[in-house]
Protein backbone atom coordinates (compact mmCIF):
# COMPACT_ATOMS: atom_id res chain seq x y z
CA UNK A 1 0.00 0.00 0.00
CA UNK A 2 2.69 2.47 1.01
CA UNK A 3 4.83 1.50 -2.00
CA UNK A 4 1.89 2.10 -4.35
CA UNK A 5 1.32 5.56 -2.86
CA UNK A 6 5.02 6.39 -3.08
CA UNK A 7 5.06 5.36 -6.74
CA UNK A 8 2.07 7.61 -7.45
CA UNK A 9 3.84 10.56 -5.83
CA UNK A 10 6.97 9.90 -7.89
CA UNK A 11 4.89 9.67 -11.06
CA UNK A 12 3.00 12.86 -10.16
CA UNK A 13 6.31 14.62 -9.50
CA UNK A 14 7.63 13.57 -12.91
CA UNK A 15 4.46 14.80 -14.64
CA UNK A 16 4.68 18.15 -12.86
CA UNK A 17 8.36 18.56 -13.77
CA UNK A 18 7.52 17.82 -17.43
CA UNK A 19 4.48 20.13 -17.23
CA UNK A 20 2.44 17.21 -18.54
CA UNK A 21 -0.33 16.88 -15.98
CA UNK A 22 -3.11 17.88 -18.36
CA UNK A 23 -6.59 18.57 -17.04
CA UNK A 24 -7.66 17.25 -13.62
CA UNK A 25 -9.62 14.50 -15.39
CA UNK A 26 -6.60 13.48 -17.47
CA UNK A 27 -4.38 13.55 -14.39
CA UNK A 28 -6.82 11.34 -12.51
CA UNK A 29 -6.78 8.82 -15.34
CA UNK A 30 -2.98 8.79 -15.40
CA UNK A 31 -2.79 8.28 -11.64
CA UNK A 32 -5.58 5.69 -11.58
CA UNK A 33 -7.77 7.71 -9.22
CA UNK A 34 -11.15 9.45 -9.52
CA UNK A 35 -11.52 13.05 -10.67
CA UNK A 36 -12.59 14.38 -7.26
CA UNK A 37 -9.68 12.54 -5.63
CA UNK A 38 -7.35 14.57 -7.85
CA UNK A 39 -8.40 17.72 -6.03
CA UNK A 40 -7.98 16.02 -2.65
CA UNK A 41 -4.43 15.00 -3.65
CA UNK A 42 -3.41 18.37 -4.99
CA UNK A 43 -4.86 20.42 -2.16
CA UNK A 44 -3.55 18.34 0.74
C-alpha atoms as a PDB file:
ATOM      1  CA  UNK A   1       0.000   0.000   0.000  1.00  0.00           C
ATOM      2  CA  UNK A   2       2.692   2.466   1.008  1.00  0.00           C
ATOM      3  CA  UNK A   3       4.826   1.499  -1.997  1.00  0.00           C
ATOM      4  CA  UNK A   4       1.889   2.101  -4.351  1.00  0.00           C
ATOM      5  CA  UNK A   5       1.322   5.560  -2.861  1.00  0.00           C
ATOM      6  CA  UNK A   6       5.022   6.387  -3.078  1.00  0.00           C
ATOM      7  CA  UNK A   7       5.063   5.357  -6.740  1.00  0.00           C
ATOM      8  CA  UNK A   8       2.070   7.611  -7.450  1.00  0.00           C
ATOM      9  CA  UNK A   9       3.836  10.560  -5.826  1.00  0.00           C
ATOM     10  CA  UNK A  10       6.968   9.903  -7.890  1.00  0.00           C
ATOM     11  CA  UNK A  11       4.890   9.667 -11.057  1.00  0.00           C
ATOM     12  CA  UNK A  12       2.999  12.859 -10.164  1.00  0.00           C
ATOM     13  CA  UNK A  13       6.308  14.616  -9.499  1.00  0.00           C
ATOM     14  CA  UNK A  14       7.629  13.570 -12.912  1.00  0.00           C
ATOM     15  CA  UNK A  15       4.455  14.799 -14.636  1.00  0.00           C
ATOM     16  CA  UNK A  16       4.680  18.153 -12.861  1.00  0.00           C
ATOM     17  CA  UNK A  17       8.359  18.556 -13.775  1.00  0.00           C
ATOM     18  CA  UNK A  18       7.519  17.822 -17.426  1.00  0.00           C
ATOM     19  CA  UNK A  19       4.483  20.129 -17.233  1.00  0.00           C
ATOM     20  CA  UNK A  20       2.440  17.208 -18.535  1.00  0.00           C
ATOM     21  CA  UNK A  21      -0.333  16.877 -15.975  1.00  0.00           C
ATOM     22  CA  UNK A  22      -3.111  17.883 -18.361  1.00  0.00           C
ATOM     23  CA  UNK A  23      -6.592  18.570 -17.045  1.00  0.00           C
ATOM     24  CA  UNK A  24      -7.661  17.252 -13.624  1.00  0.00           C
ATOM     25  CA  UNK A  25      -9.623  14.500 -15.388  1.00  0.00           C
ATOM     26  CA  UNK A  26      -6.603  13.476 -17.465  1.00  0.00           C
ATOM     27  CA  UNK A  27      -4.376  13.547 -14.390  1.00  0.00           C
ATOM     28  CA  UNK A  28      -6.820  11.342 -12.506  1.00  0.00           C
ATOM     29  CA  UNK A  29      -6.776   8.818 -15.342  1.00  0.00           C
ATOM     30  CA  UNK A  30      -2.977   8.786 -15.399  1.00  0.00           C
ATOM     31  CA  UNK A  31      -2.793   8.282 -11.637  1.00  0.00           C
ATOM     32  CA  UNK A  32      -5.576   5.694 -11.575  1.00  0.00           C
ATOM     33  CA  UNK A  33      -7.770   7.715  -9.219  1.00  0.00           C
ATOM     34  CA  UNK A  34     -11.151   9.452  -9.523  1.00  0.00           C
ATOM     35  CA  UNK A  35     -11.524  13.047 -10.673  1.00  0.00           C
ATOM     36  CA  UNK A  36     -12.591  14.375  -7.258  1.00  0.00           C
ATOM     37  CA  UNK A  37      -9.678  12.541  -5.625  1.00  0.00           C
ATOM     38  CA  UNK A  38      -7.354  14.566  -7.854  1.00  0.00           C
ATOM     39  CA  UNK A  39      -8.400  17.720  -6.034  1.00  0.00           C
ATOM     40  CA  UNK A  40      -7.975  16.021  -2.645  1.00  0.00           C
ATOM     41  CA  UNK A  41      -4.432  15.000  -3.647  1.00  0.00           C
ATOM     42  CA  UNK A  42      -3.410  18.368  -4.992  1.00  0.00           C
ATOM     43  CA  UNK A  43      -4.864  20.416  -2.160  1.00  0.00           C
ATOM     44  CA  UNK A  44      -3.554  18.343   0.739  1.00  0.00           C
END
